[in-house]
Amino acid sequence: MGPQLVTHGRHCSLGAAVWGQIAEDAGTPSNDTTMNERRHDIDALRVFAFALLILYHVGMAYVAGWEFHLKSAYTTEWLQAPMIVLNRWRMPLLFMISGIAIGLARAERAPWQFAWRRCGRLLPPLLFGMFVVVAVQAYCQGVTNGKVSPGFGAFLLRYWQVRPWPAGSFDGWEHGITWNHLWYLAYLLPYTLLLLALMALARALPTLALPRLPAAVLVPALLLLPILWESICVLWVLPRYPPTHALVGDWFVHAESLPLFLLGYLLAHNARFWRWAVQLRWLTLASAVLAITVELTLRAGGQSLLPAGLQTALAALPLGVIERLARAAYTWLALLALLGWARHRLNRPFAWLPYCTEAVFPWYILHQSLIIVALYWLAPFKLGAWLEPALVLAATVAGCLLLHELVIRRLRWLRPLFGVPARPRAAPAVGTGVSAAAEHPGEPRQRDQRGTLP
């Protein structure tokens, strides 16, 4: 059993003791029985997050001034603002959800068994994706850049040799192979192993005593401390280590993503945190809107619209610093708002949720390759700034749907290569939140909140 901490004479787990004090809300105990139910809100939020990811990656082909593997001839600057609104929290949310999912799966009961299963779950899709699914992205980019000769079969044989390509062939040419959008899986695997190692280490720690802090201290800390850390990331780490998604040396992404992943695990079963997330949902939503408004206004030079006297006063302020502080505040406040509203509105067994939960992982692996292929084939027809992106989006959704429904789900050997169990899982009994497939022989009994995305 893991280490125990004493808080006012009561014992609780390490994560619950640290974050279980978030609120003394009407005397609600931190082991609220509602936290033992299946979290439909987390499943639904994961589905919505990846649906937005498809829209975001389609937008990447059309937003002006931003690099992408393949760009349309119809780029526009107005897309930058909505893309920024999504960009600030889309990946932080996914890493936090992944940590929450591990917490809900009770991985601490058998961390090394969980680590073995997680490697088996993440490595096959990552490797298959790099060598097969993402290969078509590299091919389309290389042909478009004039560095690769047409002929996908010949390209694939050369690609599988994992030797450097001519400079500028495609993103990752120097390594001979690339993972493109699958970088999330490449980061999630070491993060998960690190968390599981910390779980095993925590078992050897002695019992600690922590004082129970009042809500007047904990709630401001909940709101402000993550913003402070994110501010350090964007003010100090980001300028020195811009994102590369290369895993090694990608310090800004690690500094932002790993703490949120670990925090998600710690908060997964904390009833008080979720209660406060719901109660503060209007405050966090309004504050997030204010923060992103400040960031976008400063990015657009909105101070030029103010009276001359006020412009002079603002000129003395470090507007760049203020913009990044607003960005940091928006990231965390948006996460809190999303978690609070999802808990409030989405924690119910929607009829569509089981199917979509299984479909998320295959759609995630497929979607960007389908976007690139659709754009590669449609671009020569010069269809215009509205018809082309509409067809790219439609082709992506249709391709994901057909490949998942007609191919991946039907072939047992193919399912694990897209992150889906070889055997379909039995649906959980209504009200229990326990999947029959979650209880394997020789493994601890646990509530199955893993879905199909780690």
Protein backbone atom coordinates (compact mmCIF):
# COMPACT_ATOMS: atom_id res chain seq x y z
CA MET A 1 0.00 0.00 0.00
CA GLY A 2 1.23 3.52 -0.81
CA PRO A 3 2.51 6.03 1.74
CA GLN A 4 -0.01 7.47 4.14
CA LEU A 5 -0.23 11.07 5.25
CA VAL A 6 -2.02 12.27 8.31
CA THR A 7 -4.18 15.40 8.07
CA HIS A 8 -5.90 16.30 11.31
CA GLY A 9 -5.84 12.70 12.43
CA ARG A 10 -7.15 11.29 9.13
CA HIS A 11 -5.20 9.19 6.65
CA CYS A 12 -5.23 9.72 2.92
CA SER A 13 -3.10 9.01 -0.15
CA LEU A 14 -0.23 11.25 -1.20
CA GLY A 15 -2.17 12.99 -3.96
CA ALA A 16 -5.31 13.40 -1.88
CA ALA A 17 -3.39 14.84 1.05
CA VAL A 18 -1.70 17.48 -1.06
CA TRP A 19 -4.77 18.53 -3.02
CA GLY A 20 -7.56 17.13 -0.88
CA GLN A 21 -7.61 20.32 1.17
CA ILE A 22 -8.70 22.52 -1.71
CA ALA A 23 -11.97 23.32 -0.02
CA GLU A 24 -13.83 22.75 3.18
CA ASP A 25 -17.02 22.73 1.19
CA ALA A 26 -20.02 22.10 3.42
CA GLY A 27 -18.02 19.42 5.16
CA THR A 28 -17.90 17.23 2.02
CA PRO A 29 -15.39 14.45 2.67
CA SER A 30 -12.58 14.00 0.17
CA ASN A 31 -13.64 10.39 -0.38
CA ASP A 32 -16.98 11.47 -1.78
CA THR A 33 -18.72 8.46 -3.28
CA THR A 34 -19.40 10.43 -6.47
CA MET A 35 -15.68 10.14 -7.23
CA ASN A 36 -16.09 6.35 -7.44
CA GLU A 37 -18.44 6.61 -10.41
CA ARG A 38 -17.30 6.48 -14.01
CA ARG A 39 -16.31 9.96 -15.14
CA HIS A 40 -18.33 10.45 -18.30
CA ASP A 41 -17.28 14.09 -18.33
CA ILE A 42 -13.62 13.15 -18.80
CA ASP A 43 -14.51 10.79 -21.65
CA ALA A 44 -16.69 13.45 -23.30
CA LEU A 45 -14.09 16.20 -22.82
CA ARG A 46 -11.48 13.95 -24.43
CA VAL A 47 -13.76 13.39 -27.44
CA PHE A 48 -14.46 17.11 -27.85
CA ALA A 49 -10.77 17.98 -27.46
CA PHE A 50 -9.79 15.66 -30.30
CA ALA A 51 -12.66 16.83 -32.48
CA LEU A 52 -11.28 20.35 -32.08
CA LEU A 53 -7.82 18.98 -32.88
CA ILE A 54 -9.06 17.99 -36.34
CA LEU A 55 -10.41 21.50 -36.93
CA TYR A 56 -7.18 22.98 -35.59
CA HIS A 57 -4.95 20.97 -37.91
CA VAL A 58 -7.13 21.80 -40.90
CA GLY A 59 -6.79 25.43 -39.86
CA MET A 60 -3.01 25.07 -39.75
CA ALA A 61 -3.01 24.60 -43.51
CA TYR A 62 -4.85 27.90 -43.99
CA VAL A 63 -3.57 30.25 -41.29
CA ALA A 64 -1.05 32.78 -42.61
CA GLY A 65 2.36 33.12 -40.98
CA TRP A 66 2.37 29.74 -39.22
CA GLU A 67 4.44 26.80 -40.44
CA PHE A 68 2.79 23.50 -41.29
CA HIS A 69 3.78 20.41 -43.26
CA LEU A 70 1.69 21.49 -46.24
CA LYS A 71 0.17 24.93 -46.77
CA SER A 72 -2.74 25.89 -48.97
CA ALA A 73 -2.55 28.73 -51.48
CA TYR A 74 -5.50 30.29 -49.64
CA THR A 75 -3.95 31.34 -46.34
CA THR A 76 -5.43 34.16 -44.29
CA GLU A 77 -4.38 36.14 -41.22
CA TRP A 78 -7.82 36.34 -39.60
CA LEU A 79 -7.51 32.68 -38.59
CA GLN A 80 -4.67 33.51 -36.20
CA ALA A 81 -6.95 34.80 -33.44
CA PRO A 82 -9.26 31.73 -33.18
CA MET A 83 -6.25 29.45 -33.60
CA ILE A 84 -4.51 31.18 -30.67
CA VAL A 85 -7.65 30.77 -28.56
CA LEU A 86 -7.42 26.99 -29.10
CA ASN A 87 -3.64 26.75 -29.14
CA ARG A 88 -3.10 27.93 -25.59
CA TRP A 89 -4.99 25.07 -23.93
CA ARG A 90 -5.49 22.25 -26.46
CA MET A 91 -2.33 20.24 -25.66
CA PRO A 92 -2.20 21.19 -21.95
CA LEU A 93 -5.76 19.85 -21.69
CA LEU A 94 -4.83 16.56 -23.34
CA PHE A 95 -1.85 16.03 -21.05
CA MET A 96 -3.96 16.87 -18.00
CA ILE A 97 -6.71 14.49 -19.14
CA SER A 98 -4.10 11.76 -19.60
CA GLY A 99 -2.94 12.25 -16.02
CA ILE A 100 -6.53 12.21 -14.78
CA ALA A 101 -7.19 8.97 -16.68
CA ILE A 102 -4.23 7.27 -15.00
CA GLY A 103 -5.46 8.46 -11.62
CA LEU A 104 -8.95 7.12 -12.29
CA ALA A 105 -7.47 3.80 -13.40
CA ARG A 106 -5.87 3.40 -9.93
CA ALA A 107 -2.48 2.67 -11.48
CA GLU A 108 -0.77 3.08 -8.10
CA ARG A 109 -2.15 -0.28 -6.98
CA ALA A 110 0.18 -2.13 -9.38
CA PRO A 111 2.38 0.48 -11.06
CA TRP A 112 4.74 -1.88 -12.91
CA GLN A 113 1.92 -3.98 -14.30
CA PHE A 114 0.29 -0.77 -15.44
CA ALA A 115 3.62 0.39 -16.97
CA TRP A 116 3.88 -2.85 -18.96
CA ARG A 117 0.33 -2.49 -20.26
CA ARG A 118 0.88 1.16 -21.08
CA CYS A 119 4.02 0.42 -23.12
CA GLY A 120 2.04 -2.20 -25.01
CA ARG A 121 -0.68 0.34 -25.60
CA LEU A 122 1.47 3.28 -26.74
CA LEU A 123 4.47 1.80 -28.54
CA PRO A 124 2.67 -0.17 -31.31
CA PRO A 125 0.55 2.85 -32.44
CA LEU A 126 3.57 5.15 -32.25
CA LEU A 127 5.83 2.88 -34.29
CA PHE A 128 3.13 1.87 -36.77
CA GLY A 129 2.14 5.51 -37.10
CA MET A 130 5.70 6.65 -37.78
CA PHE A 131 6.50 3.92 -40.31
CA VAL A 132 3.14 3.75 -42.10
CA VAL A 133 0.54 6.40 -41.29
CA VAL A 134 2.81 9.45 -41.05
CA ALA A 135 4.92 8.29 -44.00
CA VAL A 136 2.32 9.66 -46.39
CA GLN A 137 2.67 13.11 -44.80
CA ALA A 138 6.42 13.06 -45.37
CA TYR A 139 5.88 11.94 -48.96
CA CYS A 140 3.39 14.67 -49.80
CA GLN A 141 5.57 17.33 -48.17
CA GLY A 142 8.71 16.06 -49.90
CA VAL A 143 7.10 15.99 -53.36
CA THR A 144 5.61 19.45 -52.84
CA ASN A 145 9.01 20.80 -51.76
CA GLY A 146 10.62 19.29 -54.88
CA LYS A 147 12.96 17.10 -52.81
CA VAL A 148 11.27 13.73 -53.35
CA SER A 149 10.47 12.09 -56.68
CA PRO A 150 6.82 11.03 -57.22
CA GLY A 151 6.15 7.38 -56.49
CA PHE A 152 4.98 6.44 -53.01
CA GLY A 153 6.18 2.83 -53.17
CA ALA A 154 9.78 3.80 -53.91
CA PHE A 155 9.58 6.55 -51.29
CA LEU A 156 8.33 4.11 -48.67
CA LEU A 157 11.15 1.66 -49.26
CA ARG A 158 13.65 4.50 -48.89
CA TYR A 159 11.79 5.92 -45.86
CA TRP A 160 11.91 2.58 -44.04
CA GLN A 161 15.70 2.61 -44.24
CA VAL A 162 15.69 5.49 -41.71
CA ARG A 163 18.53 7.38 -43.39
CA PRO A 164 18.78 11.18 -43.69
CA TRP A 165 17.06 12.80 -46.65
CA PRO A 166 18.08 15.87 -48.66
CA ALA A 167 17.80 18.99 -46.52
CA GLY A 168 14.28 20.37 -46.36
CA SER A 169 12.59 17.26 -47.77
CA PHE A 170 10.12 17.10 -44.88
CA ASP A 171 10.00 17.88 -41.18
CA GLY A 172 12.42 15.44 -39.57
CA TRP A 173 14.39 14.80 -42.77
CA GLU A 174 17.67 14.72 -40.85
CA HIS A 175 16.49 11.67 -38.86
CA GLY A 176 15.19 9.84 -41.92
CA ILE A 177 11.78 9.35 -40.30
CA THR A 178 9.30 11.54 -38.42
CA TRP A 179 6.41 11.31 -35.99
CA ASN A 180 4.76 14.69 -36.79
CA HIS A 181 1.48 14.92 -34.85
CA LEU A 182 2.21 11.68 -32.96
CA TRP A 183 4.73 13.52 -30.80
CA TYR A 184 2.06 13.49 -28.09
CA LEU A 185 2.41 9.71 -27.78
CA ALA A 186 6.21 9.95 -27.76
CA TYR A 187 6.02 12.36 -24.80
CA LEU A 188 3.23 10.56 -22.99
CA LEU A 189 5.19 7.32 -22.71
CA PRO A 190 8.16 8.68 -20.67
CA TYR A 191 5.80 10.90 -18.66
CA THR A 192 3.75 7.85 -17.72
CA LEU A 193 6.82 5.80 -16.82
CA LEU A 194 8.13 8.67 -14.69
CA LEU A 195 4.80 8.93 -12.87
CA LEU A 196 4.70 5.19 -12.23
CA ALA A 197 8.28 5.28 -10.94
CA LEU A 198 7.25 8.06 -8.55
CA MET A 199 4.34 5.91 -7.40
CA ALA A 200 6.69 3.04 -6.62
CA LEU A 201 9.09 5.41 -4.85
CA ALA A 202 6.27 6.92 -2.82
CA ARG A 203 5.54 3.54 -1.28
CA ALA A 204 8.91 3.67 0.48
CA LEU A 205 8.35 7.13 1.96
CA PRO A 206 7.52 7.48 5.65
CA THR A 207 4.22 8.78 6.92
CA LEU A 208 4.04 12.56 6.80
CA ALA A 209 1.82 14.99 8.67
CA LEU A 210 0.34 17.94 6.80
CA PRO A 211 -1.73 20.69 8.39
CA ARG A 212 -5.16 21.34 6.95
CA LEU A 213 -5.17 24.78 5.37
CA PRO A 214 -8.31 26.90 5.15
CA ALA A 215 -10.17 27.36 1.86
CA ALA A 216 -9.27 31.07 1.98
CA VAL A 217 -5.67 30.00 1.32
CA LEU A 218 -6.17 26.95 -0.89
CA VAL A 219 -8.56 28.44 -3.45
CA PRO A 220 -6.31 31.41 -4.32
CA ALA A 221 -3.39 28.98 -4.45
CA LEU A 222 -5.35 26.78 -6.85
CA LEU A 223 -5.99 29.77 -9.10
CA LEU A 224 -2.63 31.52 -8.87
CA LEU A 225 0.19 28.99 -8.40
CA PRO A 226 -0.28 27.25 -11.78
CA ILE A 227 -0.46 30.69 -13.42
CA LEU A 228 2.80 31.61 -11.73
CA TRP A 229 4.48 28.47 -13.07
CA GLU A 230 3.06 29.00 -16.56
CA SER A 231 4.31 32.59 -16.43
CA ILE A 232 7.84 31.34 -15.72
CA CYS A 233 7.49 28.96 -18.66
CA VAL A 234 6.41 31.59 -21.18
CA LEU A 235 8.62 34.41 -19.89
CA TRP A 236 11.86 32.52 -19.32
CA VAL A 237 11.78 29.01 -20.80
CA LEU A 238 9.94 29.69 -24.08
CA PRO A 239 12.31 32.39 -25.43
CA ARG A 240 15.32 30.15 -24.74
CA TYR A 241 13.85 26.79 -25.73
CA PRO A 242 11.06 27.21 -28.31
CA PRO A 243 8.98 24.09 -28.99
CA THR A 244 10.54 21.47 -31.26
CA HIS A 245 8.45 18.36 -30.46
CA ALA A 246 11.69 16.40 -30.76
CA LEU A 247 11.42 15.08 -27.15
CA VAL A 248 15.11 15.64 -26.35
CA GLY A 249 15.80 19.25 -25.39
CA ASP A 250 12.19 20.38 -25.84
CA TRP A 251 12.26 22.11 -22.47
CA PHE A 252 9.33 24.49 -22.85
CA VAL A 253 6.92 21.72 -23.81
CA HIS A 254 8.22 19.56 -20.94
CA ALA A 255 8.02 22.42 -18.44
CA GLU A 256 4.41 23.11 -19.43
CA SER A 257 3.09 19.61 -20.08
CA LEU A 258 4.70 17.36 -17.46
CA PRO A 259 3.46 19.33 -14.40
CA LEU A 260 -0.08 19.37 -15.81
CA PHE A 261 0.11 15.63 -16.46
CA LEU A 262 1.22 14.97 -12.87
CA LEU A 263 -1.33 17.43 -11.52
CA GLY A 264 -4.09 15.67 -13.43
CA TYR A 265 -3.14 12.41 -11.72
CA LEU A 266 -3.14 14.03 -8.26
CA LEU A 267 -6.53 15.66 -8.77
CA ALA A 268 -8.30 12.73 -10.41
CA HIS A 269 -10.04 11.49 -7.25
CA ASN A 270 -10.14 14.76 -5.35
CA ALA A 271 -13.82 15.50 -4.80
CA ARG A 272 -13.17 18.95 -3.37
CA PHE A 273 -11.19 20.06 -6.40
CA TRP A 274 -14.00 19.02 -8.75
CA ARG A 275 -16.60 20.67 -6.56
CA TRP A 276 -14.66 23.91 -6.63
CA ALA A 277 -14.06 23.62 -10.37
CA VAL A 278 -17.83 23.49 -10.82
CA GLN A 279 -18.55 26.28 -8.35
CA LEU A 280 -15.92 28.57 -9.90
CA ARG A 281 -16.80 27.78 -13.50
CA TRP A 282 -18.35 31.19 -14.23
CA LEU A 283 -15.46 33.03 -12.58
CA THR A 284 -12.81 31.00 -14.41
CA LEU A 285 -14.66 31.35 -17.72
CA ALA A 286 -15.01 35.13 -17.40
CA SER A 287 -11.41 35.49 -16.26
CA ALA A 288 -10.18 33.33 -19.15
CA VAL A 289 -12.11 35.48 -21.64
CA LEU A 290 -10.60 38.61 -20.13
CA ALA A 291 -7.08 37.15 -20.25
CA ILE A 292 -7.26 36.05 -23.88
CA THR A 293 -8.80 39.41 -24.81
CA VAL A 294 -5.80 41.17 -23.31
CA GLU A 295 -3.35 38.88 -25.10
CA LEU A 296 -5.03 39.18 -28.50
CA THR A 297 -5.42 42.95 -28.14
CA LEU A 298 -1.75 43.45 -27.34
CA ARG A 299 -0.69 41.07 -30.13
CA ALA A 300 -2.78 43.07 -32.59
CA GLY A 301 -1.42 46.41 -31.38
CA GLY A 302 -4.82 47.37 -30.06
CA GLN A 303 -3.32 50.09 -27.86
CA SER A 304 -3.03 52.24 -31.02
CA LEU A 305 -6.81 52.69 -30.90
CA LEU A 306 -6.61 54.43 -27.52
CA PRO A 307 -6.34 58.22 -26.94
CA ALA A 308 -2.86 59.66 -27.47
CA GLY A 309 -2.33 60.42 -23.78
CA LEU A 310 -3.15 56.88 -22.77
CA GLN A 311 -0.92 55.51 -25.52
CA THR A 312 1.99 57.50 -24.07
CA ALA A 313 1.33 56.08 -20.62
CA LEU A 314 1.11 52.54 -21.96
CA ALA A 315 4.32 52.97 -23.92
CA ALA A 316 6.21 52.99 -20.63
CA LEU A 317 4.77 49.57 -19.69
CA PRO A 318 6.39 46.27 -20.65
CA LEU A 319 3.55 45.31 -22.97
CA GLY A 320 5.34 42.18 -24.16
CA VAL A 321 5.56 40.93 -20.59
CA ILE A 322 1.91 41.77 -19.96
CA GLU A 323 0.91 39.87 -23.10
CA ARG A 324 2.75 36.75 -21.95
CA LEU A 325 1.35 37.01 -18.44
CA ALA A 326 -2.13 37.19 -19.97
CA ARG A 327 -1.27 34.11 -22.02
CA ALA A 328 -0.18 32.24 -18.90
CA ALA A 329 -3.33 33.23 -17.03
CA TYR A 330 -5.54 32.24 -19.96
CA THR A 331 -3.98 28.77 -20.24
CA TRP A 332 -4.73 27.77 -16.65
CA LEU A 333 -8.05 29.58 -16.31
CA ALA A 334 -9.29 28.01 -19.53
CA LEU A 335 -8.32 24.57 -18.24
CA LEU A 336 -10.20 25.14 -14.99
CA ALA A 337 -13.22 26.45 -16.86
CA LEU A 338 -13.24 23.48 -19.25
CA LEU A 339 -12.93 20.96 -16.41
CA GLY A 340 -15.61 22.72 -14.34
CA TRP A 341 -18.12 23.06 -17.17
CA ALA A 342 -17.49 19.50 -18.34
CA ARG A 343 -18.08 18.18 -14.82
CA HIS A 344 -21.27 20.26 -14.60
CA ARG A 345 -22.74 19.47 -18.01
CA LEU A 346 -21.15 16.33 -19.44
CA ASN A 347 -21.02 13.83 -16.57
CA ARG A 348 -23.80 11.65 -17.93
CA PRO A 349 -23.88 8.45 -20.03
CA PHE A 350 -24.55 9.89 -23.48
CA ALA A 351 -25.60 7.25 -25.99
CA TRP A 352 -22.85 8.26 -28.41
CA LEU A 353 -20.06 8.29 -25.83
CA PRO A 354 -18.93 4.62 -25.81
CA TYR A 355 -18.50 4.54 -29.59
CA CYS A 356 -16.74 7.90 -29.71
CA THR A 357 -14.47 6.97 -26.81
CA GLU A 358 -13.23 3.95 -28.75
CA ALA A 359 -12.93 5.95 -31.97
CA VAL A 360 -10.81 8.75 -30.50
CA PHE A 361 -7.44 7.02 -30.69
CA PRO A 362 -7.76 5.74 -34.31
CA TRP A 363 -9.11 9.12 -35.45
CA TYR A 364 -6.21 10.87 -33.73
CA ILE A 365 -3.67 8.68 -35.51
CA LEU A 366 -5.34 9.02 -38.92
CA HIS A 367 -6.60 12.58 -39.10
CA GLN A 368 -3.49 14.61 -39.96
CA SER A 369 -2.37 12.19 -42.68
CA LEU A 370 -5.83 12.43 -44.23
CA ILE A 371 -5.67 16.24 -44.05
CA ILE A 372 -2.31 16.29 -45.84
CA VAL A 373 -3.39 13.81 -48.51
CA ALA A 374 -6.66 15.66 -49.16
CA LEU A 375 -4.89 18.98 -49.50
CA TYR A 376 -2.17 17.43 -51.68
CA TRP A 377 -4.75 16.13 -54.15
CA LEU A 378 -7.12 19.11 -54.06
CA ALA A 379 -4.59 21.95 -54.27
CA PRO A 380 -3.96 21.65 -58.05
CA PHE A 381 -7.66 22.20 -58.77
CA LYS A 382 -7.60 25.73 -57.25
CA LEU A 383 -11.09 25.37 -55.78
CA GLY A 384 -11.09 28.62 -53.84
CA ALA A 385 -10.74 29.81 -50.27
CA TRP A 386 -14.05 28.30 -49.08
CA LEU A 387 -14.64 25.15 -51.10
CA GLU A 388 -11.12 23.73 -50.68
CA PRO A 389 -11.00 23.78 -46.86
CA ALA A 390 -14.58 22.50 -46.69
CA LEU A 391 -13.64 19.53 -48.87
CA VAL A 392 -10.42 18.91 -46.90
CA LEU A 393 -12.40 18.80 -43.66
CA ALA A 394 -15.12 16.59 -45.17
CA ALA A 395 -12.56 14.19 -46.64
CA THR A 396 -10.75 13.98 -43.30
CA VAL A 397 -13.88 13.20 -41.30
CA ALA A 398 -15.17 10.74 -43.91
CA GLY A 399 -11.78 9.02 -44.12
CA CYS A 400 -11.50 8.66 -40.35
CA LEU A 401 -15.07 7.34 -40.11
CA LEU A 402 -14.75 4.81 -42.93
CA LEU A 403 -11.29 3.54 -42.02
CA HIS A 404 -12.23 3.16 -38.37
CA GLU A 405 -15.63 1.59 -38.96
CA LEU A 406 -14.91 -0.63 -41.97
CA VAL A 407 -11.26 -1.56 -41.48
CA ILE A 408 -9.75 -0.97 -38.03
CA ARG A 409 -12.70 -2.21 -35.98
CA ARG A 410 -13.09 -5.31 -38.18
CA LEU A 411 -9.49 -6.56 -38.17
CA ARG A 412 -8.41 -7.91 -34.82
CA TRP A 413 -4.68 -7.76 -35.67
CA LEU A 414 -4.97 -4.13 -36.77
CA ARG A 415 -6.83 -2.82 -33.71
CA PRO A 416 -3.79 -2.66 -31.35
CA LEU A 417 -1.83 -0.74 -33.99
CA PHE A 418 -4.40 2.04 -33.60
CA GLY A 419 -4.58 1.87 -29.81
CA VAL A 420 -7.76 -0.23 -29.66
CA PRO A 421 -7.82 -3.49 -27.68
CA ALA A 422 -7.72 -6.60 -29.87
CA ARG A 423 -10.97 -7.73 -28.32
CA PRO A 424 -13.81 -5.22 -27.98
CA ARG A 425 -14.48 -4.30 -24.37
CA ALA A 426 -17.77 -5.11 -22.76
CA ALA A 427 -19.82 -2.08 -21.90
CA PRO A 428 -19.91 -1.19 -18.19
CA ALA A 429 -23.03 -2.03 -16.29
CA VAL A 430 -25.22 1.01 -15.79
CA GLY A 431 -24.42 2.76 -12.54
CA THR A 432 -21.33 0.71 -11.73
CA GLY A 433 -18.74 2.56 -13.79
CA VAL A 434 -16.79 -0.72 -13.99
CA SER A 435 -16.00 -2.28 -17.34
CA ALA A 436 -15.87 -6.05 -17.49
CA ALA A 437 -12.69 -5.80 -19.55
CA ALA A 438 -11.03 -3.68 -16.89
CA GLU A 439 -10.59 -6.65 -14.61
CA HIS A 440 -7.87 -8.91 -16.00
CA PRO A 441 -6.65 -12.05 -14.26
CA GLY A 442 -3.72 -11.28 -12.01
CA GLU A 443 -4.33 -7.52 -12.07
CA PRO A 444 -5.86 -5.34 -9.39
CA ARG A 445 -9.54 -4.60 -9.65
CA GLN A 446 -9.89 -1.03 -10.89
CA ARG A 447 -12.40 1.27 -12.42
CA ASP A 448 -11.87 1.47 -16.17
CA GLN A 449 -11.49 5.12 -17.10
CA ARG A 450 -8.77 4.61 -19.66
CA GLY A 451 -11.00 4.97 -22.70
CA THR A 452 -9.06 4.43 -25.91
CA LEU A 453 -6.70 7.35 -25.56
CA PRO A 454 -3.96 7.17 -22.90
